[in-house]
C-alpha atoms as a PDB file:
ATOM      1  CA  UNK A   1      13.089 -34.417 -22.496  1.00  0.00           C
ATOM      2  CA  UNK A   2      10.100 -32.301 -21.341  1.00  0.00           C
ATOM      3  CA  UNK A   3       8.208 -33.699 -18.428  1.00  0.00           C
ATOM      4  CA  UNK A   4       4.450 -33.850 -17.706  1.00  0.00           C
ATOM      5  CA  UNK A   5       2.684 -34.666 -14.519  1.00  0.00           C
ATOM      6  CA  UNK A   6      -0.339 -37.056 -14.467  1.00  0.00           C
ATOM      7  CA  UNK A   7      -2.664 -37.099 -11.531  1.00  0.00           C
ATOM      8  CA  UNK A   8      -1.336 -37.457  -7.969  1.00  0.00           C
ATOM      9  CA  UNK A   9       1.967 -35.891  -8.920  1.00  0.00           C
ATOM     10  CA  UNK A  10       3.368 -38.681 -11.080  1.00  0.00           C
ATOM     11  CA  UNK A  11       5.922 -37.004 -13.355  1.00  0.00           C
ATOM     12  CA  UNK A  12       6.764 -38.724 -16.745  1.00  0.00           C
ATOM     13  CA  UNK A  13       8.410 -37.815 -19.925  1.00  0.00           C
ATOM     14  CA  UNK A  14       5.955 -35.802 -22.215  1.00  0.00           C
ATOM     15  CA  UNK A  15       5.941 -38.834 -24.652  1.00  0.00           C
ATOM     16  CA  UNK A  16       6.231 -42.421 -23.421  1.00  0.00           C
ATOM     17  CA  UNK A  17       6.825 -45.829 -25.225  1.00  0.00           C
ATOM     18  CA  UNK A  18       4.296 -48.379 -25.508  1.00  0.00           C
ATOM     19  CA  UNK A  19       6.057 -51.884 -25.441  1.00  0.00           C
ATOM     20  CA  UNK A  20       3.079 -53.988 -26.627  1.00  0.00           C
ATOM     21  CA  UNK A  21       4.050 -54.459 -30.162  1.00  0.00           C
ATOM     22  CA  UNK A  22       7.514 -55.872 -29.320  1.00  0.00           C
ATOM     23  CA  UNK A  23       5.829 -59.105 -28.336  1.00  0.00           C
ATOM     24  CA  UNK A  24       2.106 -58.933 -29.007  1.00  0.00           C
ATOM     25  CA  UNK A  25      -0.566 -58.104 -31.610  1.00  0.00           C
ATOM     26  CA  UNK A  26       1.667 -56.993 -34.477  1.00  0.00           C
ATOM     27  CA  UNK A  27       3.697 -60.027 -35.681  1.00  0.00           C
ATOM     28  CA  UNK A  28       6.405 -60.798 -36.870  1.00  0.00           C
ATOM     29  CA  UNK A  29       7.971 -59.902 -33.561  1.00  0.00           C
ATOM     30  CA  UNK A  30      11.582 -58.731 -33.494  1.00  0.00           C
ATOM     31  CA  UNK A  31      14.429 -60.408 -31.639  1.00  0.00           C
ATOM     32  CA  UNK A  32      14.114 -60.022 -27.886  1.00  0.00           C
ATOM     33  CA  UNK A  33      17.661 -58.846 -27.513  1.00  0.00           C
ATOM     34  CA  UNK A  34      17.119 -56.079 -29.994  1.00  0.00           C
ATOM     35  CA  UNK A  35      14.150 -54.802 -28.218  1.00  0.00           C
ATOM     36  CA  UNK A  36      16.051 -54.783 -24.874  1.00  0.00           C
ATOM     37  CA  UNK A  37      18.659 -52.547 -26.791  1.00  0.00           C
ATOM     38  CA  UNK A  38      15.852 -50.396 -28.225  1.00  0.00           C
ATOM     39  CA  UNK A  39      14.239 -49.806 -24.773  1.00  0.00           C
ATOM     40  CA  UNK A  40      17.684 -48.720 -23.296  1.00  0.00           C
ATOM     41  CA  UNK A  41      18.186 -46.470 -26.302  1.00  0.00           C
ATOM     42  CA  UNK A  42      14.804 -44.781 -25.605  1.00  0.00           C
ATOM     43  CA  UNK A  43      15.850 -44.219 -22.072  1.00  0.00           C
ATOM     44  CA  UNK A  44      19.142 -42.526 -23.411  1.00  0.00           C
ATOM     45  CA  UNK A  45      16.869 -40.409 -25.597  1.00  0.00           C
ATOM     46  CA  UNK A  46      14.963 -39.192 -22.613  1.00  0.00           C
ATOM     47  CA  UNK A  47      11.997 -41.431 -22.397  1.00  0.00           C
ATOM     48  CA  UNK A  48      11.027 -42.183 -18.762  1.00  0.00           C
ATOM     49  CA  UNK A  49       7.567 -43.722 -19.183  1.00  0.00           C
ATOM     50  CA  UNK A  50       7.235 -47.287 -20.322  1.00  0.00           C
ATOM     51  CA  UNK A  51       3.973 -49.238 -20.759  1.00  0.00           C
ATOM     52  CA  UNK A  52       3.379 -52.961 -20.730  1.00  0.00           C
ATOM     53  CA  UNK A  53       0.654 -55.499 -19.417  1.00  0.00           C
ATOM     54  CA  UNK A  54       0.351 -58.928 -18.210  1.00  0.00           C
ATOM     55  CA  UNK A  55      -1.667 -59.979 -21.223  1.00  0.00           C
ATOM     56  CA  UNK A  56       0.911 -58.751 -23.770  1.00  0.00           C
ATOM     57  CA  UNK A  57       2.315 -62.312 -24.797  1.00  0.00           C
ATOM     58  CA  UNK A  58       0.953 -63.021 -22.435  1.00  0.00           C
ATOM     59  CA  UNK A  59       3.644 -62.350 -19.750  1.00  0.00           C
ATOM     60  CA  UNK A  60       6.547 -62.103 -22.202  1.00  0.00           C
ATOM     61  CA  UNK A  61       6.360 -58.408 -22.590  1.00  0.00           C
ATOM     62  CA  UNK A  62       6.446 -57.688 -18.947  1.00  0.00           C
ATOM     63  CA  UNK A  63       9.505 -59.889 -18.754  1.00  0.00           C
ATOM     64  CA  UNK A  64      11.173 -58.079 -21.614  1.00  0.00           C
ATOM     65  CA  UNK A  65      10.527 -54.779 -20.218  1.00  0.00           C
ATOM     66  CA  UNK A  66      11.913 -55.865 -16.726  1.00  0.00           C
ATOM     67  CA  UNK A  67      15.081 -57.031 -18.199  1.00  0.00           C
ATOM     68  CA  UNK A  68      15.529 -53.971 -20.266  1.00  0.00           C
ATOM     69  CA  UNK A  69      14.827 -51.450 -17.387  1.00  0.00           C
ATOM     70  CA  UNK A  70      16.494 -53.315 -14.543  1.00  0.00           C
ATOM     71  CA  UNK A  71      19.727 -51.454 -15.000  1.00  0.00           C
ATOM     72  CA  UNK A  72      18.051 -48.074 -14.996  1.00  0.00           C
ATOM     73  CA  UNK A  73      15.111 -48.837 -12.722  1.00  0.00           C
ATOM     74  CA  UNK A  74      15.582 -45.666 -10.699  1.00  0.00           C
ATOM     75  CA  UNK A  75      15.364 -43.449 -13.724  1.00  0.00           C
ATOM     76  CA  UNK A  76      12.105 -44.702 -15.271  1.00  0.00           C
ATOM     77  CA  UNK A  77       8.297 -45.125 -14.479  1.00  0.00           C
ATOM     78  CA  UNK A  78       6.926 -48.518 -15.449  1.00  0.00           C
ATOM     79  CA  UNK A  79       3.222 -49.008 -15.973  1.00  0.00           C
ATOM     80  CA  UNK A  80       1.476 -52.403 -16.271  1.00  0.00           C
ATOM     81  CA  UNK A  81      -1.973 -53.768 -16.090  1.00  0.00           C
ATOM     82  CA  UNK A  82      -3.916 -56.556 -14.432  1.00  0.00           C
ATOM     83  CA  UNK A  83      -7.644 -57.610 -15.264  1.00  0.00           C
ATOM     84  CA  UNK A  84      -7.779 -60.532 -17.613  1.00  0.00           C
ATOM     85  CA  UNK A  85      -8.165 -64.356 -16.602  1.00  0.00           C
ATOM     86  CA  UNK A  86      -4.847 -65.878 -17.594  1.00  0.00           C
ATOM     87  CA  UNK A  87      -4.671 -69.047 -15.590  1.00  0.00           C
ATOM     88  CA  UNK A  88      -4.487 -71.039 -18.839  1.00  0.00           C
ATOM     89  CA  UNK A  89      -1.839 -68.913 -20.254  1.00  0.00           C
ATOM     90  CA  UNK A  90      -4.265 -67.248 -22.668  1.00  0.00           C
ATOM     91  CA  UNK A  91      -7.048 -64.589 -21.877  1.00  0.00           C
ATOM     92  CA  UNK A  92     -10.410 -66.250 -21.473  1.00  0.00           C
ATOM     93  CA  UNK A  93     -12.268 -63.227 -20.034  1.00  0.00           C
ATOM     94  CA  UNK A  94     -11.997 -60.351 -17.493  1.00  0.00           C
ATOM     95  CA  UNK A  95     -10.988 -61.138 -13.923  1.00  0.00           C
ATOM     96  CA  UNK A  96     -10.575 -58.405 -11.267  1.00  0.00           C
ATOM     97  CA  UNK A  97     -11.341 -60.342  -8.168  1.00  0.00           C
ATOM     98  CA  UNK A  98      -9.275 -58.938  -5.143  1.00  0.00           C
ATOM     99  CA  UNK A  99      -7.449 -62.298  -4.799  1.00  0.00           C
ATOM    100  CA  UNK A 100      -6.621 -62.371  -8.514  1.00  0.00           C
ATOM    101  CA  UNK A 101      -5.441 -58.682  -8.395  1.00  0.00           C
ATOM    102  CA  UNK A 102      -2.887 -59.524  -5.455  1.00  0.00           C
ATOM    103  CA  UNK A 103      -1.555 -62.609  -7.052  1.00  0.00           C
ATOM    104  CA  UNK A 104      -1.242 -60.735 -10.486  1.00  0.00           C
ATOM    105  CA  UNK A 105       0.797 -58.062  -8.837  1.00  0.00           C
ATOM    106  CA  UNK A 106       3.169 -60.438  -7.184  1.00  0.00           C
ATOM    107  CA  UNK A 107       3.691 -62.069 -10.446  1.00  0.00           C
ATOM    108  CA  UNK A 108       4.159 -58.783 -12.363  1.00  0.00           C
ATOM    109  CA  UNK A 109       6.673 -57.598  -9.649  1.00  0.00           C
ATOM    110  CA  UNK A 110       8.707 -60.778 -10.332  1.00  0.00           C
ATOM    111  CA  UNK A 111       8.727 -60.389 -14.186  1.00  0.00           C
ATOM    112  CA  UNK A 112       9.407 -56.708 -13.942  1.00  0.00           C
ATOM    113  CA  UNK A 113      12.365 -57.394 -11.666  1.00  0.00           C
ATOM    114  CA  UNK A 114      11.321 -54.501  -9.245  1.00  0.00           C
ATOM    115  CA  UNK A 115       9.952 -54.071  -5.737  1.00  0.00           C
ATOM    116  CA  UNK A 116       7.217 -51.526  -6.740  1.00  0.00           C
ATOM    117  CA  UNK A 117       4.960 -51.011  -9.799  1.00  0.00           C
ATOM    118  CA  UNK A 118       4.823 -47.298 -10.643  1.00  0.00           C
ATOM    119  CA  UNK A 119       1.444 -47.176 -12.269  1.00  0.00           C
ATOM    120  CA  UNK A 120      -1.134 -50.045 -12.099  1.00  0.00           C
ATOM    121  CA  UNK A 121      -4.029 -50.079 -14.382  1.00  0.00           C
ATOM    122  CA  UNK A 122      -7.062 -52.140 -14.311  1.00  0.00           C
ATOM    123  CA  UNK A 123      -6.906 -53.333 -18.091  1.00  0.00           C
ATOM    124  CA  UNK A 124     -10.565 -53.631 -18.521  1.00  0.00           C
ATOM    125  CA  UNK A 125     -13.648 -53.078 -16.179  1.00  0.00           C
ATOM    126  CA  UNK A 126     -14.871 -56.333 -14.817  1.00  0.00           C
ATOM    127  CA  UNK A 127     -18.770 -56.124 -14.450  1.00  0.00           C
ATOM    128  CA  UNK A 128     -18.822 -58.884 -11.931  1.00  0.00           C
ATOM    129  CA  UNK A 129     -16.604 -57.074  -9.314  1.00  0.00           C
ATOM    130  CA  UNK A 130     -17.656 -53.883  -7.892  1.00  0.00           C
ATOM    131  CA  UNK A 131     -15.303 -51.013  -8.757  1.00  0.00           C
ATOM    132  CA  UNK A 132     -15.075 -50.118  -4.999  1.00  0.00           C
ATOM    133  CA  UNK A 133     -13.533 -53.650  -4.338  1.00  0.00           C
ATOM    134  CA  UNK A 134     -11.147 -53.151  -7.105  1.00  0.00           C
ATOM    135  CA  UNK A 135     -10.011 -49.634  -6.091  1.00  0.00           C
ATOM    136  CA  UNK A 136      -9.897 -50.778  -2.384  1.00  0.00           C
ATOM    137  CA  UNK A 137      -7.592 -53.736  -3.289  1.00  0.00           C
ATOM    138  CA  UNK A 138      -5.262 -51.402  -5.213  1.00  0.00           C
ATOM    139  CA  UNK A 139      -5.263 -48.945  -2.268  1.00  0.00           C
ATOM    140  CA  UNK A 140      -4.220 -51.803   0.118  1.00  0.00           C
ATOM    141  CA  UNK A 141      -1.343 -52.640  -2.544  1.00  0.00           C
ATOM    142  CA  UNK A 142      -0.237 -48.947  -2.456  1.00  0.00           C
ATOM    143  CA  UNK A 143      -0.218 -48.808   1.283  1.00  0.00           C
ATOM    144  CA  UNK A 144       1.938 -51.990   1.304  1.00  0.00           C
ATOM    145  CA  UNK A 145       4.413 -50.366  -1.079  1.00  0.00           C
ATOM    146  CA  UNK A 146       3.922 -52.761  -4.005  1.00  0.00           C
ATOM    147  CA  UNK A 147       2.242 -50.164  -6.128  1.00  0.00           C
ATOM    148  CA  UNK A 148       2.720 -46.283  -6.294  1.00  0.00           C
ATOM    149  CA  UNK A 149      -0.286 -45.206  -8.466  1.00  0.00           C
ATOM    150  CA  UNK A 150      -3.702 -46.461  -9.512  1.00  0.00           C
ATOM    151  CA  UNK A 151      -4.999 -46.323 -13.078  1.00  0.00           C
ATOM    152  CA  UNK A 152      -7.878 -47.396 -15.187  1.00  0.00           C
ATOM    153  CA  UNK A 153      -7.989 -48.489 -18.940  1.00  0.00           C
ATOM    154  CA  UNK A 154     -11.062 -47.860 -21.193  1.00  0.00           C
ATOM    155  CA  UNK A 155     -13.219 -47.208 -18.133  1.00  0.00           C
ATOM    156  CA  UNK A 156     -16.446 -45.086 -18.446  1.00  0.00           C
ATOM    157  CA  UNK A 157     -17.254 -41.930 -16.524  1.00  0.00           C
ATOM    158  CA  UNK A 158     -19.368 -43.651 -13.777  1.00  0.00           C
ATOM    159  CA  UNK A 159     -16.662 -46.193 -12.983  1.00  0.00           C
ATOM    160  CA  UNK A 160     -13.825 -43.567 -13.006  1.00  0.00           C
ATOM    161  CA  UNK A 161     -15.792 -41.608 -10.261  1.00  0.00           C
ATOM    162  CA  UNK A 162     -16.497 -44.694  -8.280  1.00  0.00           C
ATOM    163  CA  UNK A 163     -12.817 -45.830  -8.361  1.00  0.00           C
ATOM    164  CA  UNK A 164     -11.464 -42.324  -7.516  1.00  0.00           C
ATOM    165  CA  UNK A 165     -13.735 -41.993  -4.553  1.00  0.00           C
ATOM    166  CA  UNK A 166     -11.997 -44.893  -3.019  1.00  0.00           C
ATOM    167  CA  UNK A 167      -8.438 -44.716  -4.264  1.00  0.00           C
ATOM    168  CA  UNK A 168      -7.444 -41.550  -6.163  1.00  0.00           C
ATOM    169  CA  UNK A 169      -6.949 -42.385  -9.853  1.00  0.00           C
ATOM    170  CA  UNK A 170      -3.650 -41.095 -11.269  1.00  0.00           C
ATOM    171  CA  UNK A 171      -4.419 -41.854 -15.139  1.00  0.00           C
ATOM    172  CA  UNK A 172      -6.828 -43.276 -17.633  1.00  0.00           C
ATOM    173  CA  UNK A 173      -5.232 -45.137 -20.430  1.00  0.00           C
ATOM    174  CA  UNK A 174      -7.754 -45.062 -23.330  1.00  0.00           C
ATOM    175  CA  UNK A 175      -7.538 -44.677 -27.125  1.00  0.00           C
ATOM    176  CA  UNK A 176      -7.480 -41.061 -28.106  1.00  0.00           C
ATOM    177  CA  UNK A 177      -6.082 -39.644 -31.439  1.00  0.00           C
ATOM    178  CA  UNK A 178      -7.110 -37.590 -34.388  1.00  0.00           C
ATOM    179  CA  UNK A 179      -9.407 -40.471 -35.735  1.00  0.00           C
ATOM    180  CA  UNK A 180     -10.881 -41.325 -32.271  1.00  0.00           C
ATOM    181  CA  UNK A 181     -12.044 -38.125 -30.457  1.00  0.00           C
ATOM    182  CA  UNK A 182     -14.909 -39.717 -28.415  1.00  0.00           C
ATOM    183  CA  UNK A 183     -13.153 -39.056 -25.152  1.00  0.00           C
ATOM    184  CA  UNK A 184     -13.615 -35.309 -25.781  1.00  0.00           C
ATOM    185  CA  UNK A 185     -17.427 -35.639 -25.204  1.00  0.00           C
ATOM    186  CA  UNK A 186     -17.508 -36.750 -21.412  1.00  0.00           C
ATOM    187  CA  UNK A 187     -14.182 -38.340 -20.307  1.00  0.00           C
ATOM    188  CA  UNK A 188     -11.806 -35.457 -20.911  1.00  0.00           C
ATOM    189  CA  UNK A 189     -14.034 -32.930 -18.884  1.00  0.00           C
ATOM    190  CA  UNK A 190     -14.278 -35.588 -16.138  1.00  0.00           C
ATOM    191  CA  UNK A 191     -10.559 -36.180 -15.874  1.00  0.00           C
ATOM    192  CA  UNK A 192      -9.874 -32.276 -15.755  1.00  0.00           C
ATOM    193  CA  UNK A 193     -12.547 -32.046 -12.991  1.00  0.00           C
ATOM    194  CA  UNK A 194     -10.815 -34.830 -10.998  1.00  0.00           C
ATOM    195  CA  UNK A 195      -7.234 -33.942 -11.738  1.00  0.00           C
ATOM    196  CA  UNK A 196      -6.578 -37.335 -13.477  1.00  0.00           C
ATOM    197  CA  UNK A 197      -4.155 -37.635 -16.458  1.00  0.00           C
ATOM    198  CA  UNK A 198      -4.930 -39.273 -19.793  1.00  0.00           C
ATOM    199  CA  UNK A 199      -2.406 -41.690 -21.435  1.00  0.00           C
ATOM    200  CA  UNK A 200      -3.617 -42.187 -25.032  1.00  0.00           C
ATOM    201  CA  UNK A 201      -2.737 -45.544 -26.555  1.00  0.00           C
ATOM    202  CA  UNK A 202      -2.626 -45.983 -30.361  1.00  0.00           C
ATOM    203  CA  UNK A 203      -2.070 -42.145 -30.794  1.00  0.00           C
ATOM    204  CA  UNK A 204      -0.853 -42.794 -34.309  1.00  0.00           C
ATOM    205  CA  UNK A 205      -4.113 -44.876 -35.080  1.00  0.00           C
ATOM    206  CA  UNK A 206      -2.150 -48.141 -35.120  1.00  0.00           C
ATOM    207  CA  UNK A 207      -0.028 -46.756 -37.936  1.00  0.00           C
ATOM    208  CA  UNK A 208      -2.818 -45.359 -40.223  1.00  0.00           C
ATOM    209  CA  UNK A 209      -2.135 -41.621 -39.213  1.00  0.00           C
ATOM    210  CA  UNK A 210       1.544 -41.976 -40.142  1.00  0.00           C
ATOM    211  CA  UNK A 211       0.506 -42.026 -43.902  1.00  0.00           C
ATOM    212  CA  UNK A 212       2.246 -45.420 -44.353  1.00  0.00           C
ATOM    213  CA  UNK A 213      -0.881 -47.503 -44.806  1.00  0.00           C
ATOM    214  CA  UNK A 214      -3.299 -47.283 -47.615  1.00  0.00           C
ATOM    215  CA  UNK A 215      -6.211 -49.358 -49.115  1.00  0.00           C
ATOM    216  CA  UNK A 216      -3.482 -51.760 -50.669  1.00  0.00           C
ATOM    217  CA  UNK A 217      -1.558 -52.385 -47.608  1.00  0.00           C
ATOM    218  CA  UNK A 218      -1.759 -56.092 -46.275  1.00  0.00           C
ATOM    219  CA  UNK A 219      -1.049 -57.305 -42.750  1.00  0.00           C
ATOM    220  CA  UNK A 220       0.661 -60.366 -41.860  1.00  0.00           C
ATOM    221  CA  UNK A 221      -1.113 -63.434 -40.256  1.00  0.00           C
ATOM    222  CA  UNK A 222      -1.956 -62.886 -36.623  1.00  0.00           C
ATOM    223  CA  UNK A 223      -1.794 -59.014 -36.983  1.00  0.00           C
ATOM    224  CA  UNK A 224      -4.412 -57.602 -34.753  1.00  0.00           C
ATOM    225  CA  UNK A 225      -5.462 -55.183 -37.468  1.00  0.00           C
ATOM    226  CA  UNK A 226      -6.885 -58.016 -39.553  1.00  0.00           C
ATOM    227  CA  UNK A 227      -9.642 -58.035 -37.047  1.00  0.00           C
ATOM    228  CA  UNK A 228     -10.345 -54.375 -36.995  1.00  0.00           C
ATOM    229  CA  UNK A 229     -13.134 -53.157 -39.272  1.00  0.00           C
ATOM    230  CA  UNK A 230     -11.158 -49.874 -39.835  1.00  0.00           C
ATOM    231  CA  UNK A 231      -8.418 -51.940 -41.388  1.00  0.00           C
ATOM    232  CA  UNK A 232     -10.095 -54.965 -42.644  1.00  0.00           C
ATOM    233  CA  UNK A 233     -12.679 -52.962 -44.733  1.00  0.00           C
ATOM    234  CA  UNK A 234     -10.910 -51.555 -47.771  1.00  0.00           C
ATOM    235  CA  UNK A 235     -13.689 -48.984 -48.294  1.00  0.00           C
ATOM    236  CA  UNK A 236     -13.216 -47.793 -44.751  1.00  0.00           C
ATOM    237  CA  UNK A 237      -9.528 -47.366 -45.442  1.00  0.00           C
ATOM    238  CA  UNK A 238     -10.285 -45.479 -48.637  1.00  0.00           C
ATOM    239  CA  UNK A 239     -12.684 -43.210 -46.804  1.00  0.00           C
ATOM    240  CA  UNK A 240     -10.267 -42.549 -43.906  1.00  0.00           C
ATOM    241  CA  UNK A 241      -7.445 -41.599 -46.332  1.00  0.00           C
ATOM    242  CA  UNK A 242      -9.021 -38.244 -46.780  1.00  0.00           C
ATOM    243  CA  UNK A 243      -8.074 -37.210 -43.347  1.00  0.00           C
ATOM    244  CA  UNK A 244      -4.590 -38.627 -43.412  1.00  0.00           C
ATOM    245  CA  UNK A 245      -4.026 -36.540 -46.590  1.00  0.00           C
ATOM    246  CA  UNK A 246      -4.963 -33.415 -44.623  1.00  0.00           C
ATOM    247  CA  UNK A 247      -2.506 -34.210 -41.881  1.00  0.00           C
ATOM    248  CA  UNK A 248       0.118 -34.857 -44.554  1.00  0.00           C
ATOM    249  CA  UNK A 249      -0.422 -31.482 -46.088  1.00  0.00           C
ATOM    250  CA  UNK A 250       0.082 -29.678 -42.582  1.00  0.00           C
ATOM    251  CA  UNK A 251       3.242 -31.911 -42.143  1.00  0.00           C
ATOM    252  CA  UNK A 252       4.610 -30.845 -45.579  1.00  0.00           C
ATOM    253  CA  UNK A 253       3.875 -27.172 -44.891  1.00  0.00           C
ATOM    254  CA  UNK A 254       5.649 -27.329 -41.431  1.00  0.00           C
ATOM    255  CA  UNK A 255       8.488 -29.424 -42.662  1.00  0.00           C
ATOM    256  CA  UNK A 256       7.808 -32.316 -40.334  1.00  0.00           C
ATOM    257  CA  UNK A 257       6.232 -35.836 -40.559  1.00  0.00           C
ATOM    258  CA  UNK A 258       2.537 -36.920 -40.259  1.00  0.00           C
ATOM    259  CA  UNK A 259       3.261 -38.807 -37.122  1.00  0.00           C
ATOM    260  CA  UNK A 260       4.723 -35.704 -35.487  1.00  0.00           C
ATOM    261  CA  UNK A 261       1.691 -33.656 -36.499  1.00  0.00           C
ATOM    262  CA  UNK A 262      -0.695 -36.316 -34.884  1.00  0.00           C
ATOM    263  CA  UNK A 263       1.441 -36.415 -31.741  1.00  0.00           C
ATOM    264  CA  UNK A 264       1.766 -32.703 -31.549  1.00  0.00           C
ATOM    265  CA  UNK A 265      -1.944 -32.326 -31.869  1.00  0.00           C
ATOM    266  CA  UNK A 266      -2.448 -34.679 -28.910  1.00  0.00           C
ATOM    267  CA  UNK A 267       0.042 -32.692 -26.760  1.00  0.00           C
ATOM    268  CA  UNK A 268      -1.754 -29.603 -27.602  1.00  0.00           C
ATOM    269  CA  UNK A 269      -5.168 -30.933 -26.109  1.00  0.00           C
ATOM    270  CA  UNK A 270      -3.800 -30.432 -22.472  1.00  0.00           C
ATOM    271  CA  UNK A 271      -0.941 -30.527 -20.198  1.00  0.00           C
ATOM    272  CA  UNK A 272      -2.341 -33.757 -18.444  1.00  0.00           C
ATOM    273  CA  UNK A 273      -2.114 -35.807 -21.698  1.00  0.00           C
ATOM    274  CA  UNK A 274       0.781 -38.221 -22.256  1.00  0.00           C
ATOM    275  CA  UNK A 275       0.761 -40.254 -25.460  1.00  0.00           C
ATOM    276  CA  UNK A 276       2.680 -43.713 -25.678  1.00  0.00           C
ATOM    277  CA  UNK A 277       3.305 -44.429 -29.281  1.00  0.00           C
ATOM    278  CA  UNK A 278       4.552 -47.939 -29.756  1.00  0.00           C
ATOM    279  CA  UNK A 279       7.364 -48.938 -32.105  1.00  0.00           C
ATOM    280  CA  UNK A 280      10.118 -51.563 -32.622  1.00  0.00           C
ATOM    281  CA  UNK A 281      12.433 -49.275 -34.518  1.00  0.00           C
ATOM    282  CA  UNK A 282      14.897 -46.590 -33.036  1.00  0.00           C
ATOM    283  CA  UNK A 283      14.257 -44.233 -35.988  1.00  0.00           C
ATOM    284  CA  UNK A 284      10.573 -44.097 -35.039  1.00  0.00           C
ATOM    285  CA  UNK A 285      11.504 -43.351 -31.367  1.00  0.00           C
ATOM    286  CA  UNK A 286      13.527 -40.403 -32.555  1.00  0.00           C
ATOM    287  CA  UNK A 287      10.792 -39.272 -34.983  1.00  0.00           C
ATOM    288  CA  UNK A 288       8.063 -39.558 -32.278  1.00  0.00           C
ATOM    289  CA  UNK A 289      10.131 -37.579 -29.760  1.00  0.00           C
ATOM    290  CA  UNK A 290      10.562 -34.996 -32.410  1.00  0.00           C
ATOM    291  CA  UNK A 291       6.912 -34.141 -31.964  1.00  0.00           C
ATOM    292  CA  UNK A 292       7.668 -32.375 -28.755  1.00  0.00           C
ATOM    293  CA  UNK A 293       9.193 -29.370 -30.816  1.00  0.00           C
ATOM    294  CA  UNK A 294       6.207 -29.239 -33.092  1.00  0.00           C
ATOM    295  CA  UNK A 295       3.913 -26.429 -32.079  1.00  0.00           C
ATOM    296  CA  UNK A 296       0.839 -26.391 -34.175  1.00  0.00           C
ATOM    297  CA  UNK A 297      -0.467 -22.853 -34.914  1.00  0.00           C
ATOM    298  CA  UNK A 298      -4.083 -21.770 -34.290  1.00  0.00           C
ATOM    299  CA  UNK A 299      -4.654 -22.076 -38.015  1.00  0.00           C
ATOM    300  CA  UNK A 300      -3.350 -25.734 -38.091  1.00  0.00           C
ATOM    301  CA  UNK A 301      -5.730 -26.606 -35.329  1.00  0.00           C
ATOM    302  CA  UNK A 302      -8.723 -24.872 -36.735  1.00  0.00           C
ATOM    303  CA  UNK A 303      -8.068 -26.565 -40.109  1.00  0.00           C
ATOM    304  CA  UNK A 304      -8.142 -29.988 -38.354  1.00  0.00           C
ATOM    305  CA  UNK A 305     -11.260 -29.012 -36.391  1.00  0.00           C
ATOM    306  CA  UNK A 306     -13.032 -27.758 -39.345  1.00  0.00           C
ATOM    307  CA  UNK A 307     -12.506 -30.986 -41.213  1.00  0.00           C
ATOM    308  CA  UNK A 308     -14.759 -32.484 -38.483  1.00  0.00           C
ATOM    309  CA  UNK A 309     -13.540 -36.011 -39.606  1.00  0.00           C
ATOM    310  CA  UNK A 310     -15.511 -39.065 -38.594  1.00  0.00           C
ATOM    311  CA  UNK A 311     -13.598 -42.383 -39.036  1.00  0.00           C
ATOM    312  CA  UNK A 312     -15.243 -45.003 -40.989  1.00  0.00           C
ATOM    313  CA  UNK A 313     -15.453 -48.311 -39.501  1.00  0.00           C
ATOM    314  CA  UNK A 314     -15.382 -49.572 -35.793  1.00  0.00           C
ATOM    315  CA  UNK A 315     -12.062 -49.576 -33.988  1.00  0.00           C
ATOM    316  CA  UNK A 316     -12.655 -52.947 -32.461  1.00  0.00           C
ATOM    317  CA  UNK A 317     -13.973 -56.397 -33.377  1.00  0.00           C
ATOM    318  CA  UNK A 318     -17.540 -57.071 -31.780  1.00  0.00           C
ATOM    319  CA  UNK A 319     -15.847 -59.395 -29.262  1.00  0.00           C
ATOM    320  CA  UNK A 320     -13.408 -56.556 -28.099  1.00  0.00           C
ATOM    321  CA  UNK A 321     -16.025 -54.048 -28.205  1.00  0.00           C
ATOM    322  CA  UNK A 322     -17.964 -55.833 -25.491  1.00  0.00           C
ATOM    323  CA  UNK A 323     -15.063 -55.294 -23.185  1.00  0.00           C
ATOM    324  CA  UNK A 324     -15.297 -51.694 -23.320  1.00  0.00           C
ATOM    325  CA  UNK A 325     -16.918 -49.836 -20.197  1.00  0.00           C
ATOM    326  CA  UNK A 326     -19.603 -47.254 -21.283  1.00  0.00           C
END
């Protein structure tokens, strides 16, 4: 597996594995034992970068990842996140108070069956806690050996700068894909300036860019996509299909899959970019890793850019949009 280096020298596999869907957001969830096996198979295939969070479940995803990776802990990088109020067992808002961060980290260490969290993200910016306090607290945890690297998720440019000035930021995790290119405007230039890596989540557009979802597709009860206008609105799906068809034409010409084109495009955007596609199937892990060998030609990249695609429909519900830092 080819490696890439995020900020502060954190080396990871060029493509990671997002574990959220194994126990959150996309029911029905597979058998836990099967997911333990899948994660270990991903390690065997060369994946060294695994992403989870306290809120996935909540808590059950961290526990799953901890069990799966315990036998190979010295071979992998585990990323998790804090930042939601979870005292009732369900998220009721954001909470990045220093005391909460410290207790959250202790709980995550226990669930992950490890002494150190390799990459700790603030899951969402807490407008009630100064970023300097958040970054300072994580810096103290790094000094104590409980955390190795500091990350942010869906943070805006101003808060990235504020955090980085206190405790160097290793990575920003935010949505970035062929149908969500907003980070190119201000975030990517800033990350390059500061030497911070980008970890795109939903690099396959929550499945849409794979070409397996159309206007007639239905999602099960509890599926996160039922709340997302891009999926809930059939007209939006129909409009967005145009770009998916373009990806499919490139994939067919190259003899690869649409998912591999979408991931190869991300990898071509910079050496500091490490996507974390999620899946619950070994065949998809293998397919996604195959994107490492797909080198899009200048003509392919120009064709994509010329399309100047603007996705129809918001990427989040109104409630979730309010949690995004601008």
